[in-house]
Amino acid sequence: MIEVKCLKQTNSFTRFLLVGIFNTCIGLSAVYFFLNALGFSYWISTFIGNSIGAAVSFFLNRSFTFHSSVSAKSGIPKFIAVILICYFGAYSISEFMAEYIDRYMAAFQLISKNNLAVLMGTGFYTIANYAGQKIFVFRE
């Protein structure tokens, strides 16, 4: 019984990561395009990129990841709340950390401060977003 429960949790997280890889490829490509090619600000670039990934994410996570029957009407507002909380939390923390690294460890820096913040923020965002969606959005 315990093994079955652990397997189910692992499988939903694995599916979440697969959806996340797809969303990250789309969203992160958009972030870097807006940030580097179009010269948009860090916050505008990350917001647009994450919004693009989130639009696809809701439907893939509802049907594929969590096999949820939560309606779009009740799920989308919760989904948006989780996305926004995770977005602002993760990217604020990563921006602060990248600033610290840039200021105090510049000799070890291999990429720009903003690009480092985006990479770190993506990791923080992924973990927090999974927890929020599993516990709050797609909970049956």
C-alpha atoms as a PDB file:
ATOM      1  CA  MET A   1       0.000   0.000   0.000  1.00  0.00           C
ATOM      2  CA  ILE A   2       2.781   2.443   0.898  1.00  0.00           C
ATOM      3  CA  GLU A   3       4.658   1.570  -2.301  1.00  0.00           C
ATOM      4  CA  VAL A   4       1.577   2.269  -4.415  1.00  0.00           C
ATOM      5  CA  LYS A   5       1.087   5.677  -2.760  1.00  0.00           C
ATOM      6  CA  CYS A   6       4.737   6.643  -3.329  1.00  0.00           C
ATOM      7  CA  LEU A   7       4.587   5.442  -6.918  1.00  0.00           C
ATOM      8  CA  LYS A   8       1.511   7.567  -7.617  1.00  0.00           C
ATOM      9  CA  GLN A   9       3.202  10.655  -6.143  1.00  0.00           C
ATOM     10  CA  THR A  10       6.330  10.011  -8.154  1.00  0.00           C
ATOM     11  CA  ASN A  11       4.349   9.506 -11.318  1.00  0.00           C
ATOM     12  CA  SER A  12       2.443  12.789 -10.983  1.00  0.00           C
ATOM     13  CA  PHE A  13       5.690  14.629 -10.302  1.00  0.00           C
ATOM     14  CA  THR A  14       7.331  12.898 -13.272  1.00  0.00           C
ATOM     15  CA  ARG A  15       4.405  13.876 -15.488  1.00  0.00           C
ATOM     16  CA  PHE A  16       4.555  17.396 -14.048  1.00  0.00           C
ATOM     17  CA  LEU A  17       8.239  17.553 -14.978  1.00  0.00           C
ATOM     18  CA  LEU A  18       7.509  16.340 -18.510  1.00  0.00           C
ATOM     19  CA  VAL A  19       4.844  19.006 -18.934  1.00  0.00           C
ATOM     20  CA  GLY A  20       7.282  21.426 -17.313  1.00  0.00           C
ATOM     21  CA  ILE A  21      10.005  20.572 -19.803  1.00  0.00           C
ATOM     22  CA  PHE A  22       7.592  21.320 -22.621  1.00  0.00           C
ATOM     23  CA  ASN A  23       6.393  24.529 -20.968  1.00  0.00           C
ATOM     24  CA  THR A  24       9.939  25.549 -20.094  1.00  0.00           C
ATOM     25  CA  CYS A  25      11.104  25.126 -23.666  1.00  0.00           C
ATOM     26  CA  ILE A  26       8.285  27.378 -24.814  1.00  0.00           C
ATOM     27  CA  GLY A  27       8.255  29.843 -21.911  1.00  0.00           C
ATOM     28  CA  LEU A  28      12.009  30.160 -21.394  1.00  0.00           C
ATOM     29  CA  SER A  29      12.582  30.613 -25.121  1.00  0.00           C
ATOM     30  CA  ALA A  30      10.069  33.431 -25.016  1.00  0.00           C
ATOM     31  CA  VAL A  31      11.707  34.945 -21.907  1.00  0.00           C
ATOM     32  CA  TYR A  32      15.140  35.012 -23.514  1.00  0.00           C
ATOM     33  CA  PHE A  33      13.712  36.276 -26.799  1.00  0.00           C
ATOM     34  CA  PHE A  34      11.973  39.203 -25.105  1.00  0.00           C
ATOM     35  CA  LEU A  35      14.929  39.849 -22.768  1.00  0.00           C
ATOM     36  CA  ASN A  36      17.820  39.572 -25.225  1.00  0.00           C
ATOM     37  CA  ALA A  37      16.413  40.029 -28.740  1.00  0.00           C
ATOM     38  CA  LEU A  38      13.791  42.673 -28.040  1.00  0.00           C
ATOM     39  CA  GLY A  39      15.473  44.291 -25.020  1.00  0.00           C
ATOM     40  CA  PHE A  40      12.428  44.081 -22.751  1.00  0.00           C
ATOM     41  CA  SER A  41      13.030  44.377 -19.011  1.00  0.00           C
ATOM     42  CA  TYR A  42      13.639  41.382 -16.754  1.00  0.00           C
ATOM     43  CA  TRP A  43      10.158  41.566 -15.213  1.00  0.00           C
ATOM     44  CA  ILE A  44       8.282  42.048 -18.504  1.00  0.00           C
ATOM     45  CA  SER A  45      10.259  39.256 -20.190  1.00  0.00           C
ATOM     46  CA  THR A  46       9.745  36.739 -17.381  1.00  0.00           C
ATOM     47  CA  PHE A  47       6.071  37.654 -17.042  1.00  0.00           C
ATOM     48  CA  ILE A  48       5.322  37.215 -20.755  1.00  0.00           C
ATOM     49  CA  GLY A  49       7.333  33.999 -21.027  1.00  0.00           C
ATOM     50  CA  ASN A  50       5.731  32.460 -17.974  1.00  0.00           C
ATOM     51  CA  SER A  51       2.275  33.515 -19.114  1.00  0.00           C
ATOM     52  CA  ILE A  52       2.779  31.735 -22.420  1.00  0.00           C
ATOM     53  CA  GLY A  53       3.901  28.555 -20.657  1.00  0.00           C
ATOM     54  CA  ALA A  54       1.091  28.803 -18.098  1.00  0.00           C
ATOM     55  CA  ALA A  55      -1.625  28.942 -20.739  1.00  0.00           C
ATOM     56  CA  VAL A  56      -0.675  25.498 -22.011  1.00  0.00           C
ATOM     57  CA  SER A  57       0.246  24.225 -18.552  1.00  0.00           C
ATOM     58  CA  PHE A  58      -3.233  24.441 -17.052  1.00  0.00           C
ATOM     59  CA  PHE A  59      -4.801  22.106 -19.582  1.00  0.00           C
ATOM     60  CA  LEU A  60      -1.885  19.655 -19.748  1.00  0.00           C
ATOM     61  CA  ASN A  61      -1.569  19.447 -15.970  1.00  0.00           C
ATOM     62  CA  ARG A  62      -5.305  19.058 -15.469  1.00  0.00           C
ATOM     63  CA  SER A  63      -5.651  16.224 -17.952  1.00  0.00           C
ATOM     64  CA  PHE A  64      -2.208  14.585 -18.151  1.00  0.00           C
ATOM     65  CA  THR A  65      -0.388  15.280 -14.880  1.00  0.00           C
ATOM     66  CA  PHE A  66      -3.081  15.136 -12.214  1.00  0.00           C
ATOM     67  CA  HIS A  67      -5.923  13.426 -14.138  1.00  0.00           C
ATOM     68  CA  SER A  68      -8.224  15.934 -12.517  1.00  0.00           C
ATOM     69  CA  SER A  69     -11.867  16.603 -13.221  1.00  0.00           C
ATOM     70  CA  VAL A  70     -11.647  20.093 -11.729  1.00  0.00           C
ATOM     71  CA  SER A  71     -13.611  22.395 -14.000  1.00  0.00           C
ATOM     72  CA  ALA A  72     -11.913  25.233 -15.814  1.00  0.00           C
ATOM     73  CA  LYS A  73     -14.342  27.606 -14.098  1.00  0.00           C
ATOM     74  CA  SER A  74     -13.159  26.664 -10.616  1.00  0.00           C
ATOM     75  CA  GLY A  75      -9.596  25.652 -11.511  1.00  0.00           C
ATOM     76  CA  ILE A  76      -8.400  28.597 -13.593  1.00  0.00           C
ATOM     77  CA  PRO A  77      -8.738  31.257 -10.856  1.00  0.00           C
ATOM     78  CA  LYS A  78      -6.858  29.020  -8.400  1.00  0.00           C
ATOM     79  CA  PHE A  79      -4.293  28.197 -11.082  1.00  0.00           C
ATOM     80  CA  ILE A  80      -3.710  31.882 -11.806  1.00  0.00           C
ATOM     81  CA  ALA A  81      -3.321  32.627  -8.082  1.00  0.00           C
ATOM     82  CA  VAL A  82      -0.740  29.849  -7.676  1.00  0.00           C
ATOM     83  CA  ILE A  83       1.102  30.930 -10.825  1.00  0.00           C
ATOM     84  CA  LEU A  84       1.273  34.577  -9.689  1.00  0.00           C
ATOM     85  CA  ILE A  85       2.383  33.751  -6.150  1.00  0.00           C
ATOM     86  CA  CYS A  86       5.036  31.361  -7.434  1.00  0.00           C
ATOM     87  CA  TYR A  87       6.127  33.802 -10.138  1.00  0.00           C
ATOM     88  CA  PHE A  88       6.600  36.822  -7.911  1.00  0.00           C
ATOM     89  CA  GLY A  89       8.087  34.779  -5.077  1.00  0.00           C
ATOM     90  CA  ALA A  90      10.521  32.765  -7.180  1.00  0.00           C
ATOM     91  CA  TYR A  91      11.709  35.562  -9.428  1.00  0.00           C
ATOM     92  CA  SER A  92      12.027  38.060  -6.570  1.00  0.00           C
ATOM     93  CA  ILE A  93      14.194  35.637  -4.605  1.00  0.00           C
ATOM     94  CA  SER A  94      16.275  34.774  -7.658  1.00  0.00           C
ATOM     95  CA  GLU A  95      16.730  38.433  -8.587  1.00  0.00           C
ATOM     96  CA  PHE A  96      17.967  39.136  -5.051  1.00  0.00           C
ATOM     97  CA  MET A  97      20.308  36.119  -5.138  1.00  0.00           C
ATOM     98  CA  ALA A  98      21.673  37.048  -8.566  1.00  0.00           C
ATOM     99  CA  GLU A  99      22.321  40.595  -7.321  1.00  0.00           C
ATOM    100  CA  TYR A 100      24.203  39.165  -4.349  1.00  0.00           C
ATOM    101  CA  ILE A 101      26.251  36.854  -6.578  1.00  0.00           C
ATOM    102  CA  ASP A 102      26.972  39.706  -8.981  1.00  0.00           C
ATOM    103  CA  ARG A 103      28.061  42.001  -6.160  1.00  0.00           C
ATOM    104  CA  TYR A 104      30.060  39.623  -3.956  1.00  0.00           C
ATOM    105  CA  MET A 105      31.116  36.776  -6.212  1.00  0.00           C
ATOM    106  CA  ALA A 106      31.615  38.467  -9.568  1.00  0.00           C
ATOM    107  CA  ALA A 107      34.780  36.450 -10.205  1.00  0.00           C
ATOM    108  CA  PHE A 108      32.707  33.241 -10.294  1.00  0.00           C
ATOM    109  CA  GLN A 109      29.981  34.565 -12.537  1.00  0.00           C
ATOM    110  CA  LEU A 110      29.768  32.905 -15.943  1.00  0.00           C
ATOM    111  CA  ILE A 111      26.565  34.505 -17.244  1.00  0.00           C
ATOM    112  CA  SER A 112      24.871  37.873 -16.881  1.00  0.00           C
ATOM    113  CA  LYS A 113      23.050  38.732 -13.667  1.00  0.00           C
ATOM    114  CA  ASN A 114      19.635  38.751 -15.362  1.00  0.00           C
ATOM    115  CA  ASN A 115      20.210  35.427 -17.138  1.00  0.00           C
ATOM    116  CA  LEU A 116      21.355  33.859 -13.859  1.00  0.00           C
ATOM    117  CA  ALA A 117      18.260  35.219 -12.100  1.00  0.00           C
ATOM    118  CA  VAL A 118      16.036  33.719 -14.798  1.00  0.00           C
ATOM    119  CA  LEU A 119      17.657  30.285 -14.448  1.00  0.00           C
ATOM    120  CA  MET A 120      17.436  30.256 -10.653  1.00  0.00           C
ATOM    121  CA  GLY A 121      13.897  31.623 -10.731  1.00  0.00           C
ATOM    122  CA  THR A 122      12.847  28.842 -13.093  1.00  0.00           C
ATOM    123  CA  GLY A 123      13.974  26.208 -10.588  1.00  0.00           C
ATOM    124  CA  PHE A 124      12.295  27.877  -7.615  1.00  0.00           C
ATOM    125  CA  TYR A 125       9.148  28.462  -9.643  1.00  0.00           C
ATOM    126  CA  THR A 126       8.928  24.820 -10.747  1.00  0.00           C
ATOM    127  CA  ILE A 127       9.066  23.394  -7.226  1.00  0.00           C
ATOM    128  CA  ALA A 128       6.630  25.893  -5.725  1.00  0.00           C
ATOM    129  CA  ASN A 129       4.258  25.614  -8.690  1.00  0.00           C
ATOM    130  CA  TYR A 130       4.063  21.812  -8.448  1.00  0.00           C
ATOM    131  CA  ALA A 131       3.191  21.985  -4.756  1.00  0.00           C
ATOM    132  CA  GLY A 132       0.569  24.684  -5.319  1.00  0.00           C
ATOM    133  CA  GLN A 133      -1.092  22.901  -8.204  1.00  0.00           C
ATOM    134  CA  LYS A 134      -1.116  19.507  -6.508  1.00  0.00           C
ATOM    135  CA  ILE A 135      -2.362  20.770  -3.138  1.00  0.00           C
ATOM    136  CA  PHE A 136      -4.591  23.671  -4.125  1.00  0.00           C
ATOM    137  CA  VAL A 137      -5.607  23.708  -7.805  1.00  0.00           C
ATOM    138  CA  PHE A 138      -6.128  20.091  -8.863  1.00  0.00           C
ATOM    139  CA  ARG A 139      -7.015  18.580  -5.507  1.00  0.00           C
ATOM    140  CA  GLU A 140     -10.145  16.478  -5.841  1.00  0.00           C
END
